[in-house]
PDB file of N, CA and C in Angstrom:
ATOM      1  N   UNK A   1      -0.155  23.931  45.356  1.00  0.00           N
ATOM      2  CA  UNK A   1      -1.345  23.412  44.713  1.00  0.00           C
ATOM      3  C   UNK A   1      -1.176  23.390  43.196  1.00  0.00           C
ATOM      4  N   UNK A   2      -0.654  24.462  42.628  1.00  0.00           N
ATOM      5  CA  UNK A   2      -0.445  24.526  41.183  1.00  0.00           C
ATOM      6  C   UNK A   2       0.616  23.509  40.769  1.00  0.00           C
ATOM      7  N   UNK A   3       1.653  23.362  41.575  1.00  0.00           N
ATOM      8  CA  UNK A   3       2.714  22.416  41.259  1.00  0.00           C
ATOM      9  C   UNK A   3       2.184  20.987  41.252  1.00  0.00           C
ATOM     10  N   UNK A   4       1.274  20.664  42.158  1.00  0.00           N
ATOM     11  CA  UNK A   4       0.710  19.315  42.204  1.00  0.00           C
ATOM     12  C   UNK A   4      -0.151  19.028  40.971  1.00  0.00           C
ATOM     13  N   UNK A   5      -0.881  20.025  40.491  1.00  0.00           N
ATOM     14  CA  UNK A   5      -1.692  19.834  39.283  1.00  0.00           C
ATOM     15  C   UNK A   5      -0.815  19.578  38.065  1.00  0.00           C
ATOM     16  N   UNK A   6       0.295  20.282  37.961  1.00  0.00           N
ATOM     17  CA  UNK A   6       1.195  20.093  36.826  1.00  0.00           C
ATOM     18  C   UNK A   6       1.829  18.710  36.861  1.00  0.00           C
ATOM     19  N   UNK A   7       2.213  18.246  38.033  1.00  0.00           N
ATOM     20  CA  UNK A   7       2.793  16.907  38.147  1.00  0.00           C
ATOM     21  C   UNK A   7       1.730  15.858  37.845  1.00  0.00           C
ATOM     22  N   UNK A   8       0.513  16.065  38.291  1.00  0.00           N
ATOM     23  CA  UNK A   8      -0.572  15.137  38.017  1.00  0.00           C
ATOM     24  C   UNK A   8      -0.868  15.050  36.532  1.00  0.00           C
ATOM     25  N   UNK A   9      -0.832  16.196  35.848  1.00  0.00           N
ATOM     26  CA  UNK A   9      -1.060  16.196  34.398  1.00  0.00           C
ATOM     27  C   UNK A   9       0.056  15.468  33.667  1.00  0.00           C
ATOM     28  N   UNK A  10       1.287  15.632  34.157  1.00  0.00           N
ATOM     29  CA  UNK A  10       2.414  14.954  33.530  1.00  0.00           C
ATOM     30  C   UNK A  10       2.294  13.445  33.721  1.00  0.00           C
ATOM     31  N   UNK A  11       1.879  13.015  34.907  1.00  0.00           N
ATOM     32  CA  UNK A  11       1.700  11.587  35.160  1.00  0.00           C
ATOM     33  C   UNK A  11       0.597  11.008  34.271  1.00  0.00           C
ATOM     34  N   UNK A  12      -0.476  11.763  34.085  1.00  0.00           N
ATOM     35  CA  UNK A  12      -1.552  11.294  33.220  1.00  0.00           C
ATOM     36  C   UNK A  12      -1.074  11.167  31.775  1.00  0.00           C
ATOM     37  N   UNK A  13      -0.266  12.095  31.325  1.00  0.00           N
ATOM     38  CA  UNK A  13       0.273  12.025  29.967  1.00  0.00           C
ATOM     39  C   UNK A  13       1.169  10.818  29.769  1.00  0.00           C
ATOM     40  N   UNK A  14       1.986  10.520  30.760  1.00  0.00           N
ATOM     41  CA  UNK A  14       2.864   9.350  30.678  1.00  0.00           C
ATOM     42  C   UNK A  14       2.032   8.074  30.661  1.00  0.00           C
ATOM     43  N   UNK A  15       1.008   8.012  31.493  1.00  0.00           N
ATOM     44  CA  UNK A  15       0.148   6.821  31.546  1.00  0.00           C
ATOM     45  C   UNK A  15      -0.572   6.628  30.213  1.00  0.00           C
ATOM     46  N   UNK A  16      -1.074   7.712  29.637  1.00  0.00           N
ATOM     47  CA  UNK A  16      -1.760   7.619  28.350  1.00  0.00           C
ATOM     48  C   UNK A  16      -0.783   7.164  27.260  1.00  0.00           C
ATOM     49  N   UNK A  17       0.430   7.690  27.273  1.00  0.00           N
ATOM     50  CA  UNK A  17       1.431   7.288  26.278  1.00  0.00           C
ATOM     51  C   UNK A  17       1.769   5.814  26.391  1.00  0.00           C
ATOM     52  N   UNK A  18       2.025   5.343  27.603  1.00  0.00           N
ATOM     53  CA  UNK A  18       2.372   3.935  27.814  1.00  0.00           C
ATOM     54  C   UNK A  18       1.203   3.045  27.407  1.00  0.00           C
ATOM     55  N   UNK A  19      -0.010   3.449  27.758  1.00  0.00           N
ATOM     56  CA  UNK A  19      -1.189   2.667  27.375  1.00  0.00           C
ATOM     57  C   UNK A  19      -1.313   2.580  25.852  1.00  0.00           C
ATOM     58  N   UNK A  20      -1.073   3.672  25.162  1.00  0.00           N
ATOM     59  CA  UNK A  20      -1.123   3.675  23.702  1.00  0.00           C
ATOM     60  C   UNK A  20      -0.088   2.747  23.099  1.00  0.00           C
ATOM     61  N   UNK A  21       1.151   2.798  23.624  1.00  0.00           N
ATOM     62  CA  UNK A  21       2.200   1.910  23.125  1.00  0.00           C
ATOM     63  C   UNK A  21       1.845   0.448  23.344  1.00  0.00           C
ATOM     64  N   UNK A  22       1.302   0.127  24.507  1.00  0.00           N
ATOM     65  CA  UNK A  22       0.939  -1.266  24.809  1.00  0.00           C
ATOM     66  C   UNK A  22      -0.172  -1.743  23.874  1.00  0.00           C
ATOM     67  N   UNK A  23      -1.154  -0.904  23.630  1.00  0.00           N
ATOM     68  CA  UNK A  23      -2.260  -1.284  22.739  1.00  0.00           C
ATOM     69  C   UNK A  23      -1.735  -1.539  21.325  1.00  0.00           C
ATOM     70  N   UNK A  24      -0.877  -0.658  20.827  1.00  0.00           N
ATOM     71  CA  UNK A  24      -0.327  -0.834  19.483  1.00  0.00           C
ATOM     72  C   UNK A  24       0.528  -2.096  19.417  1.00  0.00           C
ATOM     73  N   UNK A  25       1.336  -2.349  20.448  1.00  0.00           N
ATOM     74  CA  UNK A  25       2.182  -3.535  20.474  1.00  0.00           C
ATOM     75  C   UNK A  25       1.335  -4.807  20.433  1.00  0.00           C
ATOM     76  N   UNK A  26       0.292  -4.869  21.244  1.00  0.00           N
ATOM     77  CA  UNK A  26      -0.564  -6.052  21.241  1.00  0.00           C
ATOM     78  C   UNK A  26      -1.334  -6.203  19.930  1.00  0.00           C
ATOM     79  N   UNK A  27      -1.719  -5.094  19.321  1.00  0.00           N
ATOM     80  CA  UNK A  27      -2.402  -5.172  18.024  1.00  0.00           C
ATOM     81  C   UNK A  27      -1.459  -5.730  16.953  1.00  0.00           C
ATOM     82  N   UNK A  28      -0.191  -5.306  16.983  1.00  0.00           N
ATOM     83  CA  UNK A  28       0.778  -5.841  16.029  1.00  0.00           C
ATOM     84  C   UNK A  28       1.030  -7.324  16.267  1.00  0.00           C
ATOM     85  N   UNK A  29       1.111  -7.727  17.529  1.00  0.00           N
ATOM     86  CA  UNK A  29       1.273  -9.153  17.832  1.00  0.00           C
ATOM     87  C   UNK A  29       0.077  -9.961  17.340  1.00  0.00           C
ATOM     88  N   UNK A  30      -1.116  -9.445  17.545  1.00  0.00           N
ATOM     89  CA  UNK A  30      -2.319 -10.129  17.092  1.00  0.00           C
ATOM     90  C   UNK A  30      -2.316 -10.280  15.569  1.00  0.00           C
ATOM     91  N   UNK A  31      -1.933  -9.219  14.852  1.00  0.00           N
ATOM     92  CA  UNK A  31      -1.859  -9.298  13.397  1.00  0.00           C
ATOM     93  C   UNK A  31      -0.812 -10.319  12.955  1.00  0.00           C
ATOM     94  N   UNK A  32       0.346 -10.322  13.608  1.00  0.00           N
ATOM     95  CA  UNK A  32       1.406 -11.264  13.244  1.00  0.00           C
ATOM     96  C   UNK A  32       0.924 -12.702  13.406  1.00  0.00           C
ATOM     97  N   UNK A  33       0.357 -13.012  14.558  1.00  0.00           N
ATOM     98  CA  UNK A  33      -0.084 -14.385  14.796  1.00  0.00           C
ATOM     99  C   UNK A  33      -1.265 -14.772  13.899  1.00  0.00           C
ATOM    100  N   UNK A  34      -2.101 -13.824  13.555  1.00  0.00           N
ATOM    101  CA  UNK A  34      -3.199 -14.160  12.646  1.00  0.00           C
ATOM    102  C   UNK A  34      -2.667 -14.450  11.244  1.00  0.00           C
ATOM    103  N   UNK A  35      -1.678 -13.687  10.772  1.00  0.00           N
ATOM    104  CA  UNK A  35      -1.091 -13.964   9.456  1.00  0.00           C
ATOM    105  C   UNK A  35      -0.374 -15.309   9.439  1.00  0.00           C
ATOM    106  N   UNK A  36       0.356 -15.621  10.502  1.00  0.00           N
ATOM    107  CA  UNK A  36       1.054 -16.907  10.583  1.00  0.00           C
ATOM    108  C   UNK A  36       0.032 -18.045  10.615  1.00  0.00           C
ATOM    109  N   UNK A  37      -1.035 -17.874  11.362  1.00  0.00           N
ATOM    110  CA  UNK A  37      -2.064 -18.910  11.457  1.00  0.00           C
ATOM    111  C   UNK A  37      -2.763 -19.156  10.132  1.00  0.00           C
ATOM    112  N   UNK A  38      -3.086 -18.084   9.420  1.00  0.00           N
ATOM    113  CA  UNK A  38      -3.741 -18.229   8.119  1.00  0.00           C
ATOM    114  C   UNK A  38      -2.801 -18.925   7.144  1.00  0.00           C
ATOM    115  N   UNK A  39      -1.527 -18.593   7.195  1.00  0.00           N
ATOM    116  CA  UNK A  39      -0.553 -19.230   6.309  1.00  0.00           C
ATOM    117  C   UNK A  39      -0.472 -20.735   6.574  1.00  0.00           C
ATOM    118  N   UNK A  40      -0.401 -21.120   7.838  1.00  0.00           N
ATOM    119  CA  UNK A  40      -0.340 -22.542   8.173  1.00  0.00           C
ATOM    120  C   UNK A  40      -1.635 -23.251   7.780  1.00  0.00           C
ATOM    121  N   UNK A  41      -2.755 -22.594   7.966  1.00  0.00           N
ATOM    122  CA  UNK A  41      -4.042 -23.178   7.587  1.00  0.00           C
ATOM    123  C   UNK A  41      -4.117 -23.422   6.083  1.00  0.00           C
ATOM    124  N   UNK A  42      -3.665 -22.466   5.298  1.00  0.00           N
ATOM    125  CA  UNK A  42      -3.666 -22.624   3.842  1.00  0.00           C
ATOM    126  C   UNK A  42      -2.710 -23.736   3.403  1.00  0.00           C
ATOM    127  N   UNK A  43      -1.540 -23.825   4.044  1.00  0.00           N
ATOM    128  CA  UNK A  43      -0.600 -24.895   3.701  1.00  0.00           C
ATOM    129  C   UNK A  43      -1.190 -26.262   4.016  1.00  0.00           C
ATOM    130  N   UNK A  44      -1.866 -26.384   5.139  1.00  0.00           N
ATOM    131  CA  UNK A  44      -2.494 -27.666   5.477  1.00  0.00           C
ATOM    132  C   UNK A  44      -3.589 -28.028   4.476  1.00  0.00           C
ATOM    133  N   UNK A  45      -4.355 -27.041   4.029  1.00  0.00           N
ATOM    134  CA  UNK A  45      -5.391 -27.309   3.023  1.00  0.00           C
ATOM    135  C   UNK A  45      -4.779 -27.781   1.711  1.00  0.00           C
ATOM    136  N   UNK A  46      -3.668 -27.177   1.306  1.00  0.00           N
ATOM    137  CA  UNK A  46      -3.007 -27.589   0.073  1.00  0.00           C
ATOM    138  C   UNK A  46      -2.475 -29.014   0.215  1.00  0.00           C
ATOM    139  N   UNK A  47      -1.881 -29.330   1.350  1.00  0.00           N
ATOM    140  CA  UNK A  47      -1.368 -30.691   1.579  1.00  0.00           C
ATOM    141  C   UNK A  47      -2.501 -31.712   1.505  1.00  0.00           C
ATOM    142  N   UNK A  48      -3.630 -31.406   2.137  1.00  0.00           N
ATOM    143  CA  UNK A  48      -4.765 -32.333   2.119  1.00  0.00           C
ATOM    144  C   UNK A  48      -5.300 -32.531   0.700  1.00  0.00           C
ATOM    145  N   UNK A  49      -5.382 -31.454  -0.066  1.00  0.00           N
ATOM    146  CA  UNK A  49      -5.874 -31.569  -1.439  1.00  0.00           C
ATOM    147  C   UNK A  49      -4.921 -32.379  -2.307  1.00  0.00           C
ATOM    148  N   UNK A  50      -3.601 -32.192  -2.110  1.00  0.00           N
ATOM    149  CA  UNK A  50      -2.636 -32.963  -2.892  1.00  0.00           C
ATOM    150  C   UNK A  50      -2.673 -34.441  -2.532  1.00  0.00           C
ATOM    151  N   UNK A  51      -2.857 -34.737  -1.260  1.00  0.00           N
ATOM    152  CA  UNK A  51      -2.969 -36.140  -0.852  1.00  0.00           C
ATOM    153  C   UNK A  51      -4.237 -36.748  -1.441  1.00  0.00           C
ATOM    154  N   UNK A  52      -5.325 -35.982  -1.412  1.00  0.00           N
ATOM    155  CA  UNK A  52      -6.605 -36.472  -1.935  1.00  0.00           C
ATOM    156  C   UNK A  52      -6.512 -36.764  -3.434  1.00  0.00           C
ATOM    157  N   UNK A  53      -5.788 -35.915  -4.166  1.00  0.00           N
ATOM    158  CA  UNK A  53      -5.633 -36.106  -5.599  1.00  0.00           C
ATOM    159  C   UNK A  53      -4.589 -37.172  -5.938  1.00  0.00           C
ATOM    160  N   UNK A  54      -3.804 -37.590  -4.953  1.00  0.00           N
ATOM    161  CA  UNK A  54      -2.793 -38.616  -5.164  1.00  0.00           C
ATOM    162  C   UNK A  54      -1.524 -38.094  -5.803  1.00  0.00           C
ATOM    163  N   UNK A  55      -1.339 -36.804  -5.820  1.00  0.00           N
ATOM    164  CA  UNK A  55      -0.137 -36.239  -6.418  1.00  0.00           C
ATOM    165  C   UNK A  55       1.022 -36.205  -5.443  1.00  0.00           C
ATOM    166  N   UNK A  56       0.738 -36.383  -4.180  1.00  0.00           N
ATOM    167  CA  UNK A  56       1.784 -36.330  -3.171  1.00  0.00           C
ATOM    168  C   UNK A  56       1.479 -37.381  -2.117  1.00  0.00           C
ATOM    169  N   UNK A  57       1.814 -38.645  -2.378  1.00  0.00           N
ATOM    170  CA  UNK A  57       1.418 -39.704  -1.452  1.00  0.00           C
ATOM    171  C   UNK A  57       2.183 -39.692  -0.133  1.00  0.00           C
ATOM    172  N   UNK A  58       3.402 -39.242  -0.125  1.00  0.00           N
ATOM    173  CA  UNK A  58       4.175 -39.223   1.127  1.00  0.00           C
ATOM    174  C   UNK A  58       4.520 -37.781   1.480  1.00  0.00           C
ATOM    175  N   UNK A  59       3.994 -37.344   2.575  1.00  0.00           N
ATOM    176  CA  UNK A  59       4.235 -35.980   3.022  1.00  0.00           C
ATOM    177  C   UNK A  59       4.720 -36.031   4.459  1.00  0.00           C
ATOM    178  N   UNK A  60       5.838 -35.384   4.686  1.00  0.00           N
ATOM    179  CA  UNK A  60       6.337 -35.241   6.052  1.00  0.00           C
ATOM    180  C   UNK A  60       5.689 -34.024   6.684  1.00  0.00           C
ATOM    181  N   UNK A  61       5.614 -34.036   8.000  1.00  0.00           N
ATOM    182  CA  UNK A  61       5.019 -32.893   8.694  1.00  0.00           C
ATOM    183  C   UNK A  61       5.902 -31.655   8.595  1.00  0.00           C
ATOM    184  N   UNK A  62       7.218 -31.868   8.475  1.00  0.00           N
ATOM    185  CA  UNK A  62       8.119 -30.721   8.419  1.00  0.00           C
ATOM    186  C   UNK A  62       8.277 -30.172   6.996  1.00  0.00           C
ATOM    187  N   UNK A  63       7.673 -30.830   6.009  1.00  0.00           N
ATOM    188  CA  UNK A  63       7.762 -30.381   4.628  1.00  0.00           C
ATOM    189  C   UNK A  63       6.848 -29.174   4.428  1.00  0.00           C
ATOM    190  N   UNK A  64       7.382 -28.133   3.836  1.00  0.00           N
ATOM    191  CA  UNK A  64       6.573 -26.936   3.626  1.00  0.00           C
ATOM    192  C   UNK A  64       6.503 -26.617   2.136  1.00  0.00           C
ATOM    193  N   UNK A  65       5.569 -25.783   1.788  1.00  0.00           N
ATOM    194  CA  UNK A  65       5.359 -25.394   0.409  1.00  0.00           C
ATOM    195  C   UNK A  65       5.820 -23.961   0.164  1.00  0.00           C
ATOM    196  N   UNK A  66       6.743 -23.497   0.950  1.00  0.00           N
ATOM    197  CA  UNK A  66       7.210 -22.124   0.786  1.00  0.00           C
ATOM    198  C   UNK A  66       8.129 -22.025  -0.418  1.00  0.00           C
ATOM    199  N   UNK A  67       7.999 -20.935  -1.140  1.00  0.00           N
ATOM    200  CA  UNK A  67       8.835 -20.684  -2.308  1.00  0.00           C
ATOM    201  C   UNK A  67      10.083 -19.956  -1.833  1.00  0.00           C
ATOM    202  N   UNK A  68      11.273 -20.408  -2.256  1.00  0.00           N
ATOM    203  CA  UNK A  68      12.504 -19.723  -1.828  1.00  0.00           C
ATOM    204  C   UNK A  68      12.541 -18.271  -2.291  1.00  0.00           C
ATOM    205  N   UNK A  69      13.241 -17.448  -1.551  1.00  0.00           N
ATOM    206  CA  UNK A  69      13.319 -16.026  -1.858  1.00  0.00           C
ATOM    207  C   UNK A  69      13.952 -15.737  -3.200  1.00  0.00           C
ATOM    208  N   UNK A  70      14.918 -16.586  -3.622  1.00  0.00           N
ATOM    209  CA  UNK A  70      15.570 -16.374  -4.913  1.00  0.00           C
ATOM    210  C   UNK A  70      14.581 -16.579  -6.059  1.00  0.00           C
ATOM    211  N   UNK A  71      13.686 -17.528  -5.909  1.00  0.00           N
ATOM    212  CA  UNK A  71      12.682 -17.777  -6.951  1.00  0.00           C
ATOM    213  C   UNK A  71      11.702 -16.611  -7.021  1.00  0.00           C
ATOM    214  N   UNK A  72      11.289 -16.122  -5.866  1.00  0.00           N
ATOM    215  CA  UNK A  72      10.369 -14.978  -5.826  1.00  0.00           C
ATOM    216  C   UNK A  72      11.028 -13.756  -6.469  1.00  0.00           C
ATOM    217  N   UNK A  73      12.328 -13.537  -6.178  1.00  0.00           N
ATOM    218  CA  UNK A  73      13.035 -12.397  -6.761  1.00  0.00           C
ATOM    219  C   UNK A  73      13.147 -12.533  -8.271  1.00  0.00           C
ATOM    220  N   UNK A  74      13.402 -13.744  -8.764  1.00  0.00           N
ATOM    221  CA  UNK A  74      13.502 -13.954 -10.211  1.00  0.00           C
ATOM    222  C   UNK A  74      12.167 -13.699 -10.894  1.00  0.00           C
ATOM    223  N   UNK A  75      11.084 -14.162 -10.299  1.00  0.00           N
ATOM    224  CA  UNK A  75       9.753 -13.937 -10.873  1.00  0.00           C
ATOM    225  C   UNK A  75       9.419 -12.450 -10.871  1.00  0.00           C
ATOM    226  N   UNK A  76       9.734 -11.757  -9.778  1.00  0.00           N
ATOM    227  CA  UNK A  76       9.449 -10.321  -9.681  1.00  0.00           C
ATOM    228  C   UNK A  76      10.232  -9.534 -10.724  1.00  0.00           C
ATOM    229  N   UNK A  77      11.504  -9.875 -10.926  1.00  0.00           N
ATOM    230  CA  UNK A  77      12.307  -9.163 -11.922  1.00  0.00           C
ATOM    231  C   UNK A  77      11.795  -9.432 -13.337  1.00  0.00           C
ATOM    232  N   UNK A  78      11.355 -10.657 -13.594  1.00  0.00           N
ATOM    233  CA  UNK A  78      10.812 -10.981 -14.907  1.00  0.00           C
ATOM    234  C   UNK A  78       9.551 -10.173 -15.193  1.00  0.00           C
ATOM    235  N   UNK A  79       8.683 -10.084 -14.213  1.00  0.00           N
ATOM    236  CA  UNK A  79       7.455  -9.289 -14.383  1.00  0.00           C
ATOM    237  C   UNK A  79       7.796  -7.823 -14.578  1.00  0.00           C
ATOM    238  N   UNK A  80       8.755  -7.315 -13.804  1.00  0.00           N
ATOM    239  CA  UNK A  80       9.152  -5.908 -13.907  1.00  0.00           C
ATOM    240  C   UNK A  80       9.691  -5.598 -15.298  1.00  0.00           C
ATOM    241  N   UNK A  81      10.594  -6.450 -15.801  1.00  0.00           N
ATOM    242  CA  UNK A  81      11.181  -6.185 -17.107  1.00  0.00           C
ATOM    243  C   UNK A  81      10.187  -6.397 -18.239  1.00  0.00           C
ATOM    244  N   UNK A  82       9.228  -7.289 -18.071  1.00  0.00           N
ATOM    245  CA  UNK A  82       8.242  -7.482 -19.134  1.00  0.00           C
ATOM    246  C   UNK A  82       7.272  -6.307 -19.207  1.00  0.00           C
ATOM    247  N   UNK A  83       7.010  -5.642 -18.103  1.00  0.00           N
ATOM    248  CA  UNK A  83       6.110  -4.483 -18.095  1.00  0.00           C
ATOM    249  C   UNK A  83       6.809  -3.217 -18.573  1.00  0.00           C
ATOM    250  N   UNK A  84       8.136  -3.223 -18.574  1.00  0.00           N
ATOM    251  CA  UNK A  84       8.892  -2.022 -18.904  1.00  0.00           C
ATOM    252  C   UNK A  84       9.072  -1.843 -20.409  1.00  0.00           C
ATOM    253  N   UNK A  85       8.690  -2.812 -21.212  1.00  0.00           N
ATOM    254  CA  UNK A  85       8.880  -2.726 -22.656  1.00  0.00           C
ATOM    255  C   UNK A  85       7.992  -1.647 -23.252  1.00  0.00           C
ATOM    256  N   UNK A  86       8.582  -0.754 -24.004  1.00  0.00           N
ATOM    257  CA  UNK A  86       7.821   0.272 -24.708  1.00  0.00           C
ATOM    258  C   UNK A  86       8.655   0.770 -25.884  1.00  0.00           C
ATOM    259  N   UNK A  87       8.049   1.543 -26.741  1.00  0.00           N
ATOM    260  CA  UNK A  87       8.741   2.074 -27.913  1.00  0.00           C
ATOM    261  C   UNK A  87       9.707   3.168 -27.489  1.00  0.00           C
ATOM    262  N   UNK A  88      10.813   3.249 -28.215  1.00  0.00           N
ATOM    263  CA  UNK A  88      11.742   4.354 -27.983  1.00  0.00           C
ATOM    264  C   UNK A  88      11.185   5.609 -28.635  1.00  0.00           C
ATOM    265  N   UNK A  89      11.265   6.687 -27.912  1.00  0.00           N
ATOM    266  CA  UNK A  89      10.764   7.952 -28.430  1.00  0.00           C
ATOM    267  C   UNK A  89      11.823   8.585 -29.323  1.00  0.00           C
ATOM    268  N   UNK A  90      11.397   9.396 -30.280  1.00  0.00           N
ATOM    269  CA  UNK A  90      12.328  10.039 -31.213  1.00  0.00           C
ATOM    270  C   UNK A  90      12.928  11.314 -30.630  1.00  0.00           C
ATOM    271  N   UNK A  91      12.455  11.749 -29.485  1.00  0.00           N
ATOM    272  CA  UNK A  91      12.918  12.977 -28.833  1.00  0.00           C
ATOM    273  C   UNK A  91      12.762  14.196 -29.743  1.00  0.00           C
ATOM    274  N   UNK A  92      11.747  14.200 -30.566  1.00  0.00           N
ATOM    275  CA  UNK A  92      11.472  15.303 -31.474  1.00  0.00           C
ATOM    276  C   UNK A  92      10.176  15.967 -31.031  1.00  0.00           C
ATOM    277  N   UNK A  93      10.230  17.257 -30.787  1.00  0.00           N
ATOM    278  CA  UNK A  93       9.042  17.993 -30.372  1.00  0.00           C
ATOM    279  C   UNK A  93       8.359  18.599 -31.588  1.00  0.00           C
ATOM    280  N   UNK A  94       7.077  18.465 -31.650  1.00  0.00           N
ATOM    281  CA  UNK A  94       6.284  19.067 -32.711  1.00  0.00           C
ATOM    282  C   UNK A  94       5.311  20.036 -32.063  1.00  0.00           C
ATOM    283  N   UNK A  95       5.441  21.297 -32.424  1.00  0.00           N
ATOM    284  CA  UNK A  95       4.569  22.316 -31.834  1.00  0.00           C
ATOM    285  C   UNK A  95       3.614  22.788 -32.913  1.00  0.00           C
ATOM    286  N   UNK A  96       2.357  22.606 -32.659  1.00  0.00           N
ATOM    287  CA  UNK A  96       1.334  23.053 -33.600  1.00  0.00           C
ATOM    288  C   UNK A  96       0.518  24.145 -32.926  1.00  0.00           C
ATOM    289  N   UNK A  97       0.233  25.184 -33.679  1.00  0.00           N
ATOM    290  CA  UNK A  97      -0.591  26.255 -33.133  1.00  0.00           C
ATOM    291  C   UNK A  97      -2.042  25.828 -33.221  1.00  0.00           C
ATOM    292  N   UNK A  98      -2.691  25.810 -32.099  1.00  0.00           N
ATOM    293  CA  UNK A  98      -4.087  25.410 -32.058  1.00  0.00           C
ATOM    294  C   UNK A  98      -4.942  26.660 -32.212  1.00  0.00           C
ATOM    295  N   UNK A  99      -5.815  26.650 -33.190  1.00  0.00           N
ATOM    296  CA  UNK A  99      -6.702  27.789 -33.375  1.00  0.00           C
ATOM    297  C   UNK A  99      -7.897  27.629 -32.433  1.00  0.00           C
ATOM    298  N   UNK A 100      -8.161  28.693 -31.726  1.00  0.00           N
ATOM    299  CA  UNK A 100      -9.270  28.659 -30.776  1.00  0.00           C
ATOM    300  C   UNK A 100     -10.392  29.553 -31.309  1.00  0.00           C
ATOM    301  N   UNK A 101     -11.560  29.031 -31.244  1.00  0.00           N
ATOM    302  CA  UNK A 101     -12.711  29.816 -31.679  1.00  0.00           C
ATOM    303  C   UNK A 101     -12.991  30.919 -30.668  1.00  0.00           C
ATOM    304  N   UNK A 102     -13.533  32.020 -31.157  1.00  0.00           N
ATOM    305  CA  UNK A 102     -13.858  33.136 -30.275  1.00  0.00           C
ATOM    306  C   UNK A 102     -14.983  32.728 -29.325  1.00  0.00           C
ATOM    307  N   UNK A 103     -14.797  33.086 -28.072  1.00  0.00           N
ATOM    308  CA  UNK A 103     -15.825  32.803 -27.085  1.00  0.00           C
ATOM    309  C   UNK A 103     -16.055  34.054 -26.254  1.00  0.00           C
ATOM    310  N   UNK A 104     -17.296  34.478 -26.129  1.00  0.00           N
ATOM    311  CA  UNK A 104     -17.548  35.668 -25.314  1.00  0.00           C
ATOM    312  C   UNK A 104     -17.257  35.435 -23.834  1.00  0.00           C
ATOM    313  N   UNK A 105     -17.181  34.202 -23.420  1.00  0.00           N
ATOM    314  CA  UNK A 105     -16.893  33.931 -22.018  1.00  0.00           C
ATOM    315  C   UNK A 105     -15.467  34.327 -21.667  1.00  0.00           C
ATOM    316  N   UNK A 106     -14.561  34.260 -22.629  1.00  0.00           N
ATOM    317  CA  UNK A 106     -13.181  34.595 -22.332  1.00  0.00           C
ATOM    318  C   UNK A 106     -12.836  36.046 -22.685  1.00  0.00           C
ATOM    319  N   UNK A 107     -13.782  36.788 -23.137  1.00  0.00           N
ATOM    320  CA  UNK A 107     -13.537  38.169 -23.525  1.00  0.00           C
ATOM    321  C   UNK A 107     -13.604  39.059 -22.287  1.00  0.00           C
ATOM    322  N   UNK A 108     -12.556  39.853 -22.099  1.00  0.00           N
ATOM    323  CA  UNK A 108     -12.500  40.715 -20.912  1.00  0.00           C
ATOM    324  C   UNK A 108     -13.330  41.984 -21.072  1.00  0.00           C
ATOM    325  N   UNK A 109     -13.660  42.332 -22.285  1.00  0.00           N
ATOM    326  CA  UNK A 109     -14.401  43.563 -22.502  1.00  0.00           C
ATOM    327  C   UNK A 109     -15.789  43.498 -21.852  1.00  0.00           C
ATOM    328  N   UNK A 110     -16.361  42.300 -21.792  1.00  0.00           N
ATOM    329  CA  UNK A 110     -17.687  42.177 -21.203  1.00  0.00           C
ATOM    330  C   UNK A 110     -17.627  42.172 -19.677  1.00  0.00           C
ATOM    331  N   UNK A 111     -16.441  42.004 -19.130  1.00  0.00           N
ATOM    332  CA  UNK A 111     -16.293  42.018 -17.689  1.00  0.00           C
ATOM    333  C   UNK A 111     -16.192  43.431 -17.123  1.00  0.00           C
ATOM    334  N   UNK A 112     -15.961  44.411 -17.971  1.00  0.00           N
ATOM    335  CA  UNK A 112     -15.837  45.789 -17.505  1.00  0.00           C
ATOM    336  C   UNK A 112     -17.235  46.397 -17.317  1.00  0.00           C
ATOM    337  N   UNK A 113     -17.338  47.173 -16.297  1.00  0.00           N
ATOM    338  CA  UNK A 113     -18.628  47.822 -16.027  1.00  0.00           C
ATOM    339  C   UNK A 113     -18.504  49.311 -16.358  1.00  0.00           C
ATOM    340  N   UNK A 114     -19.572  49.856 -16.825  1.00  0.00           N
ATOM    341  CA  UNK A 114     -19.592  51.261 -17.159  1.00  0.00           C
ATOM    342  C   UNK A 114     -20.121  52.044 -15.972  1.00  0.00           C
ATOM    343  N   UNK A 115     -19.245  52.828 -15.352  1.00  0.00           N
ATOM    344  CA  UNK A 115     -19.643  53.630 -14.191  1.00  0.00           C
ATOM    345  C   UNK A 115     -19.894  55.057 -14.655  1.00  0.00           C
ATOM    346  N   UNK A 116     -21.140  55.402 -14.822  1.00  0.00           N
ATOM    347  CA  UNK A 116     -21.487  56.765 -15.219  1.00  0.00           C
ATOM    348  C   UNK A 116     -21.913  57.521 -13.964  1.00  0.00           C
ATOM    349  N   UNK A 117     -21.369  58.743 -13.809  1.00  0.00           N
ATOM    350  CA  UNK A 117     -21.711  59.550 -12.651  1.00  0.00           C
ATOM    351  C   UNK A 117     -22.512  60.734 -13.019  1.00  0.00           C
TER     352      UNK A 117
END
């Protein structure tokens, strides 16, 4: 009887694990197809707007507006290097003694209690 309960619990754990994996897999597929669909929808909107404005009178269906990876990498590196500009430090440390005003809150003498017996 005890052995059957342990096997039953193990089977339930396996079923729960497989169910979790399947749910995550389908959620990832749904996200992938939604991103692809939104991308195609945006590309079609851009094509329609360009045709309407007359800037692109002949458009093939297989023509896409994707930017090549090399161009994206060049733009990213340019932004990275433009943000990295800053002054060179002199590597000189200046230590100044800061004078602190007396505060009774930091005085330990007031924290002591007088125990008279």
